[in-house]
Amino acid sequence: MLSIVMPRNMGLAKKNRVQTYVKIEPELLKSIEDHKLDLNSTLNVALEKGLQDSFPSDLKASLTVHRFDSGTCQGVPVRPYIERELMFEVKAKGLLLKTIMNNSLKLYLRQKYSENILT
């Protein structure tokens, strides 16, 4: 599947984003800030990669049980702008946005910066 997000992030195509509400794990937001990344663009890239299942299997195997599921994490509420097509795909697959967003973001940051976040 071709990326819809990257051409839009680079200004080669018009963005088609909708603002939504989601809670992100504080450590992930801190990592985004520490690396001076744009929250919206980073979330869109990570979500697209997560929905495409394009992370390496050894990286996915390192993903721990999501802390939202156990109720041990207080997420930080954010209102990012997410591409409509990605939101549609999340709903079509019957996924929880906060879970797929946090898991995808965690894998993306691990892959991009070799950080062992939230283990």
C-alpha atoms as a PDB file:
ATOM      1  CA  MET A   1       0.000   0.000   0.000  1.00  0.00           C
ATOM      2  CA  LEU A   2       1.327   3.431  -0.899  1.00  0.00           C
ATOM      3  CA  SER A   3       1.593   6.056   1.787  1.00  0.00           C
ATOM      4  CA  ILE A   4      -1.046   8.762   1.816  1.00  0.00           C
ATOM      5  CA  VAL A   5       0.520  10.528   4.793  1.00  0.00           C
ATOM      6  CA  MET A   6       4.078  11.236   3.610  1.00  0.00           C
ATOM      7  CA  PRO A   7       3.150  13.229   0.471  1.00  0.00           C
ATOM      8  CA  ARG A   8       0.725  15.258   2.578  1.00  0.00           C
ATOM      9  CA  ASN A   9       3.306  15.869   5.318  1.00  0.00           C
ATOM     10  CA  MET A  10       5.817  17.022   2.690  1.00  0.00           C
ATOM     11  CA  GLY A  11       3.309  19.436   1.139  1.00  0.00           C
ATOM     12  CA  LEU A  12       2.993  17.502  -2.128  1.00  0.00           C
ATOM     13  CA  ALA A  13      -0.681  16.733  -1.554  1.00  0.00           C
ATOM     14  CA  LYS A  14      -3.458  18.474   0.330  1.00  0.00           C
ATOM     15  CA  LYS A  15      -4.028  17.312   3.900  1.00  0.00           C
ATOM     16  CA  ASN A  16      -7.449  15.884   4.690  1.00  0.00           C
ATOM     17  CA  ARG A  17      -7.407  15.847   8.477  1.00  0.00           C
ATOM     18  CA  VAL A  18     -10.023  15.847  11.157  1.00  0.00           C
ATOM     19  CA  GLN A  19      -9.396  16.804  14.767  1.00  0.00           C
ATOM     20  CA  THR A  20     -10.035  14.036  17.249  1.00  0.00           C
ATOM     21  CA  TYR A  21      -9.584  13.352  20.933  1.00  0.00           C
ATOM     22  CA  VAL A  22      -7.245  10.616  22.153  1.00  0.00           C
ATOM     23  CA  LYS A  23      -5.109   9.887  25.202  1.00  0.00           C
ATOM     24  CA  ILE A  24      -1.405   9.270  24.625  1.00  0.00           C
ATOM     25  CA  GLU A  25       0.988   7.739  27.104  1.00  0.00           C
ATOM     26  CA  PRO A  26       3.073  10.505  28.744  1.00  0.00           C
ATOM     27  CA  GLU A  27       6.400   8.857  27.889  1.00  0.00           C
ATOM     28  CA  LEU A  28       5.505   8.843  24.206  1.00  0.00           C
ATOM     29  CA  LEU A  29       4.577  12.525  24.224  1.00  0.00           C
ATOM     30  CA  LYS A  30       7.830  13.334  26.036  1.00  0.00           C
ATOM     31  CA  SER A  31       9.801  11.463  23.386  1.00  0.00           C
ATOM     32  CA  ILE A  32       8.033  13.415  20.626  1.00  0.00           C
ATOM     33  CA  GLU A  33       8.884  16.680  22.385  1.00  0.00           C
ATOM     34  CA  ASP A  34      12.472  15.613  23.105  1.00  0.00           C
ATOM     35  CA  HIS A  35      13.070  14.884  19.419  1.00  0.00           C
ATOM     36  CA  LYS A  36      11.291  18.116  18.405  1.00  0.00           C
ATOM     37  CA  LEU A  37       8.798  16.261  16.216  1.00  0.00           C
ATOM     38  CA  ASP A  38       5.476  17.611  15.001  1.00  0.00           C
ATOM     39  CA  LEU A  39       2.768  15.802  16.977  1.00  0.00           C
ATOM     40  CA  ASN A  40       0.205  15.644  14.163  1.00  0.00           C
ATOM     41  CA  SER A  41       2.607  14.464  11.468  1.00  0.00           C
ATOM     42  CA  THR A  42       4.257  11.921  13.769  1.00  0.00           C
ATOM     43  CA  LEU A  43       0.930  10.458  14.874  1.00  0.00           C
ATOM     44  CA  ASN A  44      -0.256  10.191  11.273  1.00  0.00           C
ATOM     45  CA  VAL A  45       2.901   8.425  10.090  1.00  0.00           C
ATOM     46  CA  ALA A  46       2.890   6.043  13.062  1.00  0.00           C
ATOM     47  CA  LEU A  47      -0.811   5.276  12.696  1.00  0.00           C
ATOM     48  CA  GLU A  48      -0.465   4.619   8.969  1.00  0.00           C
ATOM     49  CA  LYS A  49       2.450   2.243   9.567  1.00  0.00           C
ATOM     50  CA  GLY A  50       0.494   0.487  12.317  1.00  0.00           C
ATOM     51  CA  LEU A  51      -2.581   0.048  10.142  1.00  0.00           C
ATOM     52  CA  GLN A  52      -0.449  -1.236   7.260  1.00  0.00           C
ATOM     53  CA  ASP A  53       1.251  -3.650   9.673  1.00  0.00           C
ATOM     54  CA  SER A  54       4.576  -2.494   8.268  1.00  0.00           C
ATOM     55  CA  PHE A  55       6.684  -2.759  11.419  1.00  0.00           C
ATOM     56  CA  PRO A  56       9.299  -5.536  11.519  1.00  0.00           C
ATOM     57  CA  SER A  57       8.130  -8.660  13.359  1.00  0.00           C
ATOM     58  CA  ASP A  58      11.040  -8.572  15.816  1.00  0.00           C
ATOM     59  CA  LEU A  59      10.043  -5.032  16.787  1.00  0.00           C
ATOM     60  CA  LYS A  60       6.393  -6.012  17.189  1.00  0.00           C
ATOM     61  CA  ALA A  61       7.426  -8.949  19.376  1.00  0.00           C
ATOM     62  CA  SER A  62       8.999  -6.466  21.791  1.00  0.00           C
ATOM     63  CA  LEU A  63       5.701  -4.637  22.341  1.00  0.00           C
ATOM     64  CA  THR A  64       4.551  -5.129  25.905  1.00  0.00           C
ATOM     65  CA  VAL A  65       0.939  -5.368  27.033  1.00  0.00           C
ATOM     66  CA  HIS A  66      -0.674  -2.016  26.557  1.00  0.00           C
ATOM     67  CA  ARG A  67      -0.949  -0.177  29.847  1.00  0.00           C
ATOM     68  CA  PHE A  68      -4.334   1.377  29.039  1.00  0.00           C
ATOM     69  CA  ASP A  69      -5.865  -2.092  28.972  1.00  0.00           C
ATOM     70  CA  SER A  70      -4.749  -2.767  32.538  1.00  0.00           C
ATOM     71  CA  GLY A  71      -5.789   0.676  33.759  1.00  0.00           C
ATOM     72  CA  THR A  72      -2.296   1.424  35.106  1.00  0.00           C
ATOM     73  CA  CYS A  73      -1.597   4.395  32.842  1.00  0.00           C
ATOM     74  CA  GLN A  74      -3.126   7.823  32.941  1.00  0.00           C
ATOM     75  CA  GLY A  75      -2.920   9.043  29.376  1.00  0.00           C
ATOM     76  CA  VAL A  76      -2.420  12.663  28.488  1.00  0.00           C
ATOM     77  CA  PRO A  77      -5.385  13.993  26.505  1.00  0.00           C
ATOM     78  CA  VAL A  78      -4.461  15.483  23.140  1.00  0.00           C
ATOM     79  CA  ARG A  79      -6.514  16.706  20.179  1.00  0.00           C
ATOM     80  CA  PRO A  80      -4.425  15.850  17.116  1.00  0.00           C
ATOM     81  CA  TYR A  81      -5.419  16.230  13.491  1.00  0.00           C
ATOM     82  CA  ILE A  82      -5.575  12.777  11.880  1.00  0.00           C
ATOM     83  CA  GLU A  83      -6.069  12.012   8.195  1.00  0.00           C
ATOM     84  CA  ARG A  84      -9.708  11.091   7.519  1.00  0.00           C
ATOM     85  CA  GLU A  85      -8.732   7.959   5.599  1.00  0.00           C
ATOM     86  CA  LEU A  86      -6.830   6.637   8.607  1.00  0.00           C
ATOM     87  CA  MET A  87      -9.739   7.367  10.946  1.00  0.00           C
ATOM     88  CA  PHE A  88     -12.049   5.525   8.536  1.00  0.00           C
ATOM     89  CA  GLU A  89      -9.716   2.520   8.457  1.00  0.00           C
ATOM     90  CA  VAL A  90      -9.495   2.406  12.270  1.00  0.00           C
ATOM     91  CA  LYS A  91     -13.305   2.351  12.466  1.00  0.00           C
ATOM     92  CA  ALA A  92     -13.649  -0.138   9.594  1.00  0.00           C
ATOM     93  CA  LYS A  93     -11.305  -2.572  11.339  1.00  0.00           C
ATOM     94  CA  GLY A  94     -13.161  -2.155  14.635  1.00  0.00           C
ATOM     95  CA  LEU A  95     -10.043  -0.961  16.468  1.00  0.00           C
ATOM     96  CA  LEU A  96      -9.828   1.302  19.489  1.00  0.00           C
ATOM     97  CA  LEU A  97      -8.138   4.529  18.410  1.00  0.00           C
ATOM     98  CA  LYS A  98      -6.231   5.028  21.669  1.00  0.00           C
ATOM     99  CA  THR A  99      -4.808   1.494  21.578  1.00  0.00           C
ATOM    100  CA  ILE A 100      -3.738   1.458  17.930  1.00  0.00           C
ATOM    101  CA  MET A 101      -2.424   5.028  18.218  1.00  0.00           C
ATOM    102  CA  ASN A 102      -0.293   4.332  21.306  1.00  0.00           C
ATOM    103  CA  ASN A 103       0.982   0.986  20.054  1.00  0.00           C
ATOM    104  CA  SER A 104       1.827   2.377  16.612  1.00  0.00           C
ATOM    105  CA  LEU A 105       3.512   5.428  18.092  1.00  0.00           C
ATOM    106  CA  LYS A 106       5.530   3.282  20.466  1.00  0.00           C
ATOM    107  CA  LEU A 107       6.748   1.035  17.632  1.00  0.00           C
ATOM    108  CA  TYR A 108       7.475   3.997  15.368  1.00  0.00           C
ATOM    109  CA  LEU A 109       9.579   5.799  17.978  1.00  0.00           C
ATOM    110  CA  ARG A 110      11.437   2.584  18.805  1.00  0.00           C
ATOM    111  CA  GLN A 111      12.166   1.989  15.139  1.00  0.00           C
ATOM    112  CA  LYS A 112      13.159   5.559  14.339  1.00  0.00           C
ATOM    113  CA  TYR A 113      15.233   6.345  17.421  1.00  0.00           C
ATOM    114  CA  SER A 114      16.113   2.893  18.789  1.00  0.00           C
ATOM    115  CA  GLU A 115      14.518   3.897  22.060  1.00  0.00           C
ATOM    116  CA  ASN A 116      13.268   1.317  24.484  1.00  0.00           C
ATOM    117  CA  ILE A 117      10.167   3.247  25.476  1.00  0.00           C
ATOM    118  CA  LEU A 118       7.726   1.876  28.054  1.00  0.00           C
ATOM    119  CA  THR A 119       9.268  -1.473  28.840  1.00  0.00           C
END
